[in-house]
């Protein structure tokens, strides 16, 4: 893989990790009760969203290993929001490590020209990991703002985080 392609893969992974940190910042400080708040029937709470995101990390890992994933079957191994946040973060890092390993040596230019049907993992990576999680970050922020109107939603951004 050339340096430009290694840079492209690094950018994708870095963006995914940036969104992870933003989700962590949006969730940190919520009470257990706040984590279970829903706007209405059928709308996920912050806790539901973190379970959903963890489930997607397992789906990505399964996809990269050529396995099928049973969506909705995953449950956290312990109690509490702090535990769930930590467990999701670990699953996310494991999935991102598998992405980096799977794409090591792959011609990314050629990969981007293939259809999603040729390698569904590419769709999983670009749609589920980067854009999907950013979408849910917005939902988490809205849920927090509904309960904590004085919360500064811009605190999800780290002023010290620099682009490389």
N, C-alpha and C. Protein backbone atom coordinates (compact mmCIF):
# COMPACT_ATOMS: atom_id res chain seq x y z
N UNK A 1 0.86 -1.17 0.00
CA UNK A 1 0.00 0.00 0.00
C UNK A 1 0.90 1.22 0.00
N UNK A 2 0.64 2.14 -0.93
CA UNK A 2 1.43 3.37 -1.01
C UNK A 2 1.12 4.29 0.16
N UNK A 3 1.96 5.31 0.30
CA UNK A 3 1.79 6.21 1.44
C UNK A 3 0.47 6.98 1.37
N UNK A 4 0.01 7.32 0.15
CA UNK A 4 -1.28 8.01 0.03
C UNK A 4 -2.41 7.11 0.49
N UNK A 5 -2.35 5.83 0.12
CA UNK A 5 -3.41 4.91 0.52
C UNK A 5 -3.34 4.63 2.02
N UNK A 6 -2.14 4.49 2.54
CA UNK A 6 -2.01 4.30 3.98
C UNK A 6 -2.57 5.52 4.70
N UNK A 7 -2.37 6.70 4.12
CA UNK A 7 -2.91 7.93 4.69
C UNK A 7 -4.43 7.94 4.65
N UNK A 8 -5.01 7.42 3.56
CA UNK A 8 -6.48 7.37 3.44
C UNK A 8 -7.06 6.43 4.49
N UNK A 9 -6.45 5.26 4.66
CA UNK A 9 -6.93 4.32 5.66
C UNK A 9 -6.77 4.93 7.05
N UNK A 10 -5.64 5.56 7.30
CA UNK A 10 -5.40 6.21 8.59
C UNK A 10 -6.45 7.28 8.86
N UNK A 11 -6.83 8.02 7.83
CA UNK A 11 -7.85 9.06 7.98
C UNK A 11 -9.20 8.45 8.38
N UNK A 12 -9.58 7.37 7.72
CA UNK A 12 -10.85 6.72 8.03
C UNK A 12 -10.86 6.24 9.49
N UNK A 13 -9.79 5.60 9.90
CA UNK A 13 -9.69 5.09 11.27
C UNK A 13 -9.68 6.26 12.25
N UNK A 14 -8.94 7.31 11.94
CA UNK A 14 -8.88 8.48 12.81
C UNK A 14 -10.24 9.14 12.96
N UNK A 15 -10.99 9.25 11.85
CA UNK A 15 -12.34 9.83 11.92
C UNK A 15 -13.25 8.97 12.80
N UNK A 16 -13.14 7.66 12.66
CA UNK A 16 -13.96 6.77 13.48
C UNK A 16 -13.62 6.95 14.96
N UNK A 17 -12.35 7.06 15.27
CA UNK A 17 -11.94 7.24 16.67
C UNK A 17 -12.36 8.62 17.19
N UNK A 18 -12.35 9.62 16.34
CA UNK A 18 -12.77 10.95 16.76
C UNK A 18 -14.25 10.93 17.16
N UNK A 19 -15.09 10.28 16.34
CA UNK A 19 -16.51 10.17 16.66
C UNK A 19 -16.69 9.38 17.96
N UNK A 20 -15.88 8.35 18.16
CA UNK A 20 -15.95 7.58 19.41
C UNK A 20 -15.71 8.48 20.61
N UNK A 21 -14.68 9.30 20.53
CA UNK A 21 -14.37 10.21 21.65
C UNK A 21 -15.50 11.23 21.85
N UNK A 22 -16.11 11.68 20.76
CA UNK A 22 -17.21 12.63 20.88
C UNK A 22 -18.42 11.97 21.55
N UNK A 23 -18.69 10.73 21.22
CA UNK A 23 -19.79 10.01 21.87
C UNK A 23 -19.48 9.85 23.36
N UNK A 24 -18.25 9.48 23.68
CA UNK A 24 -17.87 9.35 25.09
C UNK A 24 -18.08 10.66 25.83
N UNK A 25 -17.69 11.78 25.23
CA UNK A 25 -17.86 13.09 25.88
C UNK A 25 -19.34 13.44 26.04
N UNK A 26 -20.17 13.07 25.07
CA UNK A 26 -21.60 13.38 25.14
C UNK A 26 -22.30 12.56 26.22
N UNK A 27 -21.79 11.36 26.49
CA UNK A 27 -22.42 10.46 27.46
C UNK A 27 -21.89 10.68 28.87
N UNK A 28 -20.63 11.02 28.97
CA UNK A 28 -20.00 11.17 30.29
C UNK A 28 -20.74 12.22 31.12
N UNK A 29 -21.07 11.84 32.34
CA UNK A 29 -21.77 12.75 33.24
C UNK A 29 -23.27 12.53 33.31
N UNK A 30 -23.82 11.73 32.38
CA UNK A 30 -25.24 11.41 32.44
C UNK A 30 -25.50 10.45 33.60
N UNK A 31 -26.64 10.61 34.23
CA UNK A 31 -27.05 9.66 35.26
C UNK A 31 -27.66 8.44 34.58
N UNK A 32 -27.83 7.38 35.36
CA UNK A 32 -28.48 6.17 34.83
C UNK A 32 -29.88 6.51 34.34
N UNK A 33 -30.59 7.34 35.09
CA UNK A 33 -31.95 7.73 34.70
C UNK A 33 -31.93 8.52 33.39
N UNK A 34 -31.00 9.45 33.26
CA UNK A 34 -30.90 10.22 32.02
C UNK A 34 -30.55 9.33 30.84
N UNK A 35 -29.74 8.32 31.07
CA UNK A 35 -29.35 7.40 29.99
C UNK A 35 -30.53 6.61 29.45
N UNK A 36 -31.60 6.50 30.25
CA UNK A 36 -32.77 5.74 29.82
C UNK A 36 -33.90 6.61 29.27
N UNK A 37 -33.71 7.92 29.25
CA UNK A 37 -34.73 8.83 28.74
C UNK A 37 -34.96 8.62 27.24
N UNK A 38 -36.24 8.64 26.85
CA UNK A 38 -36.62 8.55 25.43
C UNK A 38 -37.55 9.71 25.12
N UNK A 39 -37.45 10.21 23.89
CA UNK A 39 -38.36 11.26 23.44
C UNK A 39 -39.78 10.72 23.28
N UNK A 40 -39.88 9.46 22.94
CA UNK A 40 -41.18 8.85 22.72
C UNK A 40 -41.05 7.37 22.44
N UNK A 41 -42.18 6.73 22.24
CA UNK A 41 -42.22 5.30 21.96
C UNK A 41 -41.44 4.99 20.68
N UNK A 42 -40.63 3.95 20.74
CA UNK A 42 -39.89 3.51 19.55
C UNK A 42 -38.62 4.30 19.27
N UNK A 43 -38.30 5.25 20.12
CA UNK A 43 -37.08 6.04 19.94
C UNK A 43 -36.06 5.56 20.96
N UNK A 44 -34.83 5.34 20.52
CA UNK A 44 -33.79 4.81 21.40
C UNK A 44 -33.35 5.83 22.43
N UNK A 45 -33.04 5.33 23.61
CA UNK A 45 -32.41 6.14 24.66
C UNK A 45 -30.90 6.15 24.40
N UNK A 46 -30.17 6.90 25.20
CA UNK A 46 -28.71 6.89 25.11
C UNK A 46 -28.20 5.47 25.35
N UNK A 47 -28.74 4.81 26.38
CA UNK A 47 -28.30 3.44 26.67
C UNK A 47 -28.59 2.51 25.48
N UNK A 48 -29.81 2.60 24.95
CA UNK A 48 -30.17 1.78 23.78
C UNK A 48 -29.21 2.04 22.62
N UNK A 49 -28.86 3.30 22.43
CA UNK A 49 -27.98 3.68 21.33
C UNK A 49 -26.59 3.08 21.51
N UNK A 50 -26.07 3.11 22.73
CA UNK A 50 -24.75 2.51 22.98
C UNK A 50 -24.78 1.00 22.76
N UNK A 51 -25.86 0.34 23.17
CA UNK A 51 -25.99 -1.10 22.91
C UNK A 51 -26.03 -1.34 21.40
N UNK A 52 -26.77 -0.53 20.70
CA UNK A 52 -26.87 -0.63 19.24
C UNK A 52 -25.49 -0.43 18.59
N UNK A 53 -24.74 0.56 19.04
CA UNK A 53 -23.42 0.82 18.48
C UNK A 53 -22.45 -0.33 18.77
N UNK A 54 -22.53 -0.88 19.98
CA UNK A 54 -21.69 -2.03 20.32
C UNK A 54 -22.04 -3.22 19.42
N UNK A 55 -23.33 -3.43 19.21
CA UNK A 55 -23.80 -4.51 18.34
C UNK A 55 -23.25 -4.33 16.93
N UNK A 56 -23.20 -3.09 16.45
CA UNK A 56 -22.66 -2.83 15.13
C UNK A 56 -21.16 -3.12 15.06
N UNK A 57 -20.44 -2.88 16.16
CA UNK A 57 -19.02 -3.22 16.19
C UNK A 57 -18.83 -4.72 16.04
N UNK A 58 -19.68 -5.49 16.70
CA UNK A 58 -19.62 -6.94 16.56
C UNK A 58 -19.99 -7.38 15.15
N UNK A 59 -20.95 -6.69 14.55
CA UNK A 59 -21.34 -6.99 13.17
C UNK A 59 -20.18 -6.72 12.21
N UNK A 60 -19.47 -5.62 12.43
CA UNK A 60 -18.32 -5.29 11.58
C UNK A 60 -17.25 -6.37 11.74
N UNK A 61 -16.96 -6.75 12.96
CA UNK A 61 -15.96 -7.81 13.19
C UNK A 61 -16.38 -9.10 12.50
N UNK A 62 -17.64 -9.46 12.63
CA UNK A 62 -18.15 -10.68 11.99
C UNK A 62 -18.01 -10.59 10.48
N UNK A 63 -18.38 -9.45 9.92
CA UNK A 63 -18.29 -9.24 8.47
C UNK A 63 -16.85 -9.42 8.00
N UNK A 64 -15.91 -8.85 8.73
CA UNK A 64 -14.50 -8.93 8.35
C UNK A 64 -13.96 -10.35 8.47
N UNK A 65 -14.59 -11.14 9.33
CA UNK A 65 -14.16 -12.53 9.50
C UNK A 65 -15.00 -13.50 8.66
N UNK A 66 -15.91 -12.96 7.85
CA UNK A 66 -16.73 -13.80 6.98
C UNK A 66 -17.85 -14.53 7.71
N UNK A 67 -18.24 -14.01 8.86
CA UNK A 67 -19.31 -14.63 9.64
C UNK A 67 -20.56 -13.76 9.57
N UNK A 68 -21.68 -14.36 9.89
CA UNK A 68 -22.94 -13.63 10.02
C UNK A 68 -23.08 -13.18 11.47
N UNK A 69 -23.78 -12.08 11.66
CA UNK A 69 -24.00 -11.57 13.01
C UNK A 69 -25.48 -11.56 13.30
N UNK A 70 -25.84 -11.93 14.51
CA UNK A 70 -27.23 -11.94 14.95
C UNK A 70 -27.55 -10.57 15.56
N UNK A 71 -28.03 -9.66 14.73
CA UNK A 71 -28.31 -8.30 15.19
C UNK A 71 -29.33 -8.30 16.33
N UNK A 72 -29.04 -7.51 17.33
CA UNK A 72 -29.94 -7.33 18.44
C UNK A 72 -29.75 -8.33 19.56
N UNK A 73 -28.87 -9.31 19.40
CA UNK A 73 -28.69 -10.33 20.42
C UNK A 73 -27.68 -9.91 21.50
N UNK A 74 -26.80 -8.96 21.21
CA UNK A 74 -25.75 -8.59 22.17
C UNK A 74 -26.33 -7.81 23.35
N UNK A 75 -25.81 -8.12 24.52
CA UNK A 75 -26.14 -7.39 25.74
C UNK A 75 -24.84 -7.15 26.50
N UNK A 76 -24.75 -6.04 27.21
CA UNK A 76 -23.53 -5.77 27.98
C UNK A 76 -23.31 -6.84 29.05
N UNK A 77 -22.05 -7.06 29.41
CA UNK A 77 -21.73 -8.10 30.38
C UNK A 77 -21.90 -7.64 31.82
N UNK A 78 -22.12 -6.35 32.02
CA UNK A 78 -22.28 -5.82 33.38
C UNK A 78 -23.34 -4.74 33.43
N UNK A 79 -23.47 -4.17 34.60
CA UNK A 79 -24.49 -3.15 34.83
C UNK A 79 -23.90 -1.75 34.76
N UNK A 80 -24.74 -0.80 34.44
CA UNK A 80 -24.37 0.60 34.55
C UNK A 80 -23.87 1.22 33.26
N UNK A 81 -24.10 2.51 33.17
CA UNK A 81 -23.73 3.27 31.98
C UNK A 81 -22.21 3.33 31.78
N UNK A 82 -21.47 3.50 32.86
CA UNK A 82 -20.01 3.58 32.76
C UNK A 82 -19.46 2.27 32.20
N UNK A 83 -19.98 1.15 32.68
CA UNK A 83 -19.54 -0.15 32.18
C UNK A 83 -19.89 -0.30 30.70
N UNK A 84 -21.10 0.07 30.33
CA UNK A 84 -21.54 -0.04 28.94
C UNK A 84 -20.66 0.82 28.03
N UNK A 85 -20.37 2.03 28.45
CA UNK A 85 -19.53 2.92 27.65
C UNK A 85 -18.14 2.32 27.45
N UNK A 86 -17.59 1.75 28.51
CA UNK A 86 -16.26 1.12 28.42
C UNK A 86 -16.30 -0.11 27.51
N UNK A 87 -17.33 -0.93 27.67
CA UNK A 87 -17.44 -2.15 26.86
C UNK A 87 -17.61 -1.80 25.38
N UNK A 88 -18.44 -0.81 25.09
CA UNK A 88 -18.60 -0.37 23.70
C UNK A 88 -17.25 0.12 23.14
N UNK A 89 -16.53 0.90 23.93
CA UNK A 89 -15.23 1.40 23.48
C UNK A 89 -14.26 0.28 23.16
N UNK A 90 -14.25 -0.76 23.98
CA UNK A 90 -13.37 -1.91 23.74
C UNK A 90 -13.77 -2.65 22.46
N UNK A 91 -15.08 -2.86 22.29
CA UNK A 91 -15.55 -3.54 21.06
C UNK A 91 -15.23 -2.71 19.83
N UNK A 92 -15.35 -1.41 19.96
CA UNK A 92 -15.06 -0.50 18.84
C UNK A 92 -13.59 -0.57 18.47
N UNK A 93 -12.71 -0.54 19.45
CA UNK A 93 -11.27 -0.61 19.17
C UNK A 93 -10.91 -1.95 18.54
N UNK A 94 -11.52 -3.04 19.02
CA UNK A 94 -11.27 -4.35 18.42
C UNK A 94 -11.70 -4.37 16.96
N UNK A 95 -12.86 -3.79 16.68
CA UNK A 95 -13.36 -3.76 15.30
C UNK A 95 -12.46 -2.90 14.42
N UNK A 96 -12.03 -1.75 14.93
CA UNK A 96 -11.16 -0.87 14.13
C UNK A 96 -9.81 -1.53 13.88
N UNK A 97 -9.29 -2.27 14.84
CA UNK A 97 -8.04 -3.00 14.64
C UNK A 97 -8.20 -4.04 13.54
N UNK A 98 -9.36 -4.70 13.53
CA UNK A 98 -9.62 -5.69 12.47
C UNK A 98 -9.74 -5.02 11.11
N UNK A 99 -10.34 -3.83 11.08
CA UNK A 99 -10.44 -3.08 9.82
C UNK A 99 -9.04 -2.77 9.31
N UNK A 100 -8.19 -2.23 10.18
CA UNK A 100 -6.83 -1.87 9.76
C UNK A 100 -6.08 -3.09 9.26
N UNK A 101 -6.21 -4.21 9.96
CA UNK A 101 -5.53 -5.44 9.55
C UNK A 101 -6.09 -5.94 8.21
N UNK A 102 -7.40 -5.92 8.08
CA UNK A 102 -8.04 -6.42 6.84
C UNK A 102 -7.65 -5.59 5.64
N UNK A 103 -7.47 -4.29 5.83
CA UNK A 103 -7.17 -3.40 4.70
C UNK A 103 -5.68 -3.19 4.47
N UNK A 104 -4.85 -3.73 5.35
CA UNK A 104 -3.40 -3.61 5.17
C UNK A 104 -3.01 -4.27 3.84
N UNK A 105 -2.38 -3.52 2.99
CA UNK A 105 -1.94 -4.04 1.71
C UNK A 105 -2.99 -4.02 0.61
N UNK A 106 -4.20 -3.61 0.93
CA UNK A 106 -5.27 -3.55 -0.07
C UNK A 106 -5.15 -2.26 -0.87
N UNK A 107 -5.36 -2.36 -2.16
CA UNK A 107 -5.35 -1.18 -3.02
C UNK A 107 -6.67 -0.43 -2.80
N UNK A 108 -6.62 0.64 -2.00
CA UNK A 108 -7.85 1.35 -1.65
C UNK A 108 -8.50 2.02 -2.85
N UNK A 109 -7.69 2.49 -3.80
CA UNK A 109 -8.27 3.10 -5.00
C UNK A 109 -9.12 2.07 -5.74
N UNK A 110 -8.59 0.88 -5.90
CA UNK A 110 -9.35 -0.18 -6.57
C UNK A 110 -10.56 -0.59 -5.73
N UNK A 111 -10.37 -0.65 -4.43
CA UNK A 111 -11.46 -1.04 -3.55
C UNK A 111 -12.63 -0.07 -3.63
N UNK A 112 -12.33 1.21 -3.73
CA UNK A 112 -13.40 2.20 -3.79
C UNK A 112 -14.16 2.12 -5.11
N UNK A 113 -13.59 1.48 -6.11
CA UNK A 113 -14.26 1.35 -7.41
C UNK A 113 -15.14 0.10 -7.48
N UNK A 114 -14.96 -0.83 -6.55
CA UNK A 114 -15.78 -2.03 -6.59
C UNK A 114 -17.14 -1.74 -5.96
N UNK A 115 -18.08 -2.57 -6.27
CA UNK A 115 -19.40 -2.36 -5.69
C UNK A 115 -19.39 -2.86 -4.25
N UNK A 116 -20.35 -2.37 -3.47
CA UNK A 116 -20.46 -2.83 -2.10
C UNK A 116 -20.71 -4.34 -2.06
N UNK A 117 -21.33 -4.87 -3.10
CA UNK A 117 -21.60 -6.31 -3.13
C UNK A 117 -20.31 -7.12 -3.24
N UNK A 118 -19.26 -6.53 -3.85
CA UNK A 118 -18.00 -7.24 -4.01
C UNK A 118 -17.30 -7.42 -2.67
N UNK A 119 -17.30 -6.39 -1.86
CA UNK A 119 -16.76 -6.50 -0.50
C UNK A 119 -17.64 -5.69 0.44
N UNK A 120 -18.66 -6.34 1.02
CA UNK A 120 -19.58 -5.63 1.90
C UNK A 120 -18.90 -4.97 3.09
N UNK A 121 -17.72 -5.44 3.47
CA UNK A 121 -17.00 -4.83 4.58
C UNK A 121 -16.70 -3.36 4.34
N UNK A 122 -16.52 -2.99 3.08
CA UNK A 122 -16.27 -1.58 2.75
C UNK A 122 -17.49 -0.74 3.10
N UNK A 123 -18.67 -1.26 2.77
CA UNK A 123 -19.91 -0.56 3.13
C UNK A 123 -20.04 -0.48 4.65
N UNK A 124 -19.73 -1.59 5.33
CA UNK A 124 -19.80 -1.61 6.78
C UNK A 124 -18.89 -0.55 7.37
N UNK A 125 -17.66 -0.50 6.86
CA UNK A 125 -16.69 0.46 7.38
C UNK A 125 -17.13 1.90 7.15
N UNK A 126 -17.46 2.23 5.92
CA UNK A 126 -17.76 3.63 5.60
C UNK A 126 -19.13 4.07 6.09
N UNK A 127 -20.11 3.20 6.01
CA UNK A 127 -21.46 3.60 6.41
C UNK A 127 -21.74 3.36 7.88
N UNK A 128 -21.35 2.22 8.41
CA UNK A 128 -21.68 1.92 9.79
C UNK A 128 -20.73 2.57 10.77
N UNK A 129 -19.46 2.56 10.46
CA UNK A 129 -18.48 3.02 11.44
C UNK A 129 -18.36 4.54 11.45
N UNK A 130 -18.24 5.16 10.32
CA UNK A 130 -18.00 6.60 10.30
C UNK A 130 -19.32 7.37 10.29
N UNK A 131 -20.11 7.25 9.25
CA UNK A 131 -21.31 8.08 9.15
C UNK A 131 -22.42 7.63 10.10
N UNK A 132 -22.59 6.35 10.28
CA UNK A 132 -23.64 5.84 11.16
C UNK A 132 -23.44 6.31 12.60
N UNK A 133 -22.21 6.22 13.08
CA UNK A 133 -21.95 6.59 14.46
C UNK A 133 -22.08 8.10 14.66
N UNK A 134 -21.69 8.88 13.67
CA UNK A 134 -21.87 10.33 13.76
C UNK A 134 -23.35 10.68 13.81
N UNK A 135 -24.17 9.97 13.08
CA UNK A 135 -25.62 10.15 13.12
C UNK A 135 -26.14 9.93 14.54
N UNK A 136 -25.69 8.83 15.16
CA UNK A 136 -26.14 8.54 16.52
C UNK A 136 -25.56 9.51 17.55
N UNK A 137 -24.39 10.06 17.28
CA UNK A 137 -23.85 11.10 18.15
C UNK A 137 -24.83 12.26 18.22
N UNK A 138 -25.40 12.65 17.09
CA UNK A 138 -26.39 13.73 17.08
C UNK A 138 -27.61 13.39 17.92
N UNK A 139 -28.06 12.15 17.85
CA UNK A 139 -29.20 11.73 18.67
C UNK A 139 -28.86 11.79 20.15
N UNK A 140 -27.67 11.33 20.51
CA UNK A 140 -27.25 11.35 21.91
C UNK A 140 -27.20 12.79 22.41
N UNK A 141 -26.66 13.68 21.59
CA UNK A 141 -26.60 15.10 21.99
C UNK A 141 -28.00 15.68 22.17
N UNK A 142 -28.92 15.34 21.27
CA UNK A 142 -30.30 15.85 21.39
C UNK A 142 -30.96 15.32 22.66
N UNK A 143 -30.75 14.03 22.97
CA UNK A 143 -31.31 13.46 24.19
C UNK A 143 -30.74 14.14 25.43
N UNK A 144 -29.44 14.43 25.40
CA UNK A 144 -28.83 15.09 26.56
C UNK A 144 -29.35 16.53 26.68
N UNK A 145 -29.43 17.24 25.57
CA UNK A 145 -29.92 18.62 25.61
C UNK A 145 -31.37 18.71 26.09
N UNK A 146 -32.17 17.72 25.75
CA UNK A 146 -33.57 17.71 26.19
C UNK A 146 -33.67 17.62 27.71
N UNK A 147 -32.70 17.00 28.33
CA UNK A 147 -32.71 16.83 29.79
C UNK A 147 -31.81 17.82 30.52
N UNK A 148 -30.81 18.30 29.83
CA UNK A 148 -29.81 19.21 30.42
C UNK A 148 -29.67 20.42 29.51
N UNK A 149 -30.67 21.31 29.50
CA UNK A 149 -30.66 22.42 28.53
C UNK A 149 -29.46 23.35 28.67
N UNK A 150 -28.79 23.33 29.80
CA UNK A 150 -27.61 24.18 29.98
C UNK A 150 -26.32 23.50 29.51
N UNK A 151 -26.43 22.22 29.09
CA UNK A 151 -25.25 21.50 28.63
C UNK A 151 -24.74 22.13 27.34
N UNK A 152 -23.46 22.35 27.24
CA UNK A 152 -22.84 22.92 26.05
C UNK A 152 -22.48 21.79 25.10
N UNK A 153 -23.27 21.65 24.04
CA UNK A 153 -23.05 20.53 23.12
C UNK A 153 -21.70 20.59 22.42
N UNK A 154 -21.07 21.75 22.44
CA UNK A 154 -19.76 21.86 21.78
C UNK A 154 -18.65 21.24 22.62
N UNK A 155 -18.98 20.78 23.82
CA UNK A 155 -17.96 20.11 24.63
C UNK A 155 -17.60 18.74 24.06
N UNK A 156 -18.35 18.25 23.08
CA UNK A 156 -17.97 16.98 22.46
C UNK A 156 -16.69 17.15 21.64
N UNK A 157 -16.40 18.37 21.25
CA UNK A 157 -15.18 18.64 20.48
C UNK A 157 -14.03 18.90 21.43
N UNK A 158 -12.90 18.30 21.15
CA UNK A 158 -11.70 18.51 21.95
C UNK A 158 -10.88 19.61 21.30
N UNK A 159 -10.71 20.74 21.97
CA UNK A 159 -9.96 21.84 21.37
C UNK A 159 -8.49 21.49 21.13
N UNK A 160 -8.00 20.47 21.83
CA UNK A 160 -6.60 20.07 21.66
C UNK A 160 -6.41 19.03 20.57
N UNK A 161 -7.53 18.50 20.04
CA UNK A 161 -7.43 17.50 19.00
C UNK A 161 -6.99 18.18 17.70
N UNK A 162 -5.93 17.68 17.13
CA UNK A 162 -5.38 18.29 15.93
C UNK A 162 -5.46 17.31 14.78
N UNK A 163 -5.69 17.83 13.61
CA UNK A 163 -5.61 17.00 12.41
C UNK A 163 -4.16 16.69 12.15
N UNK A 164 -3.93 15.47 11.71
CA UNK A 164 -2.55 15.09 11.40
C UNK A 164 -2.31 15.17 9.93
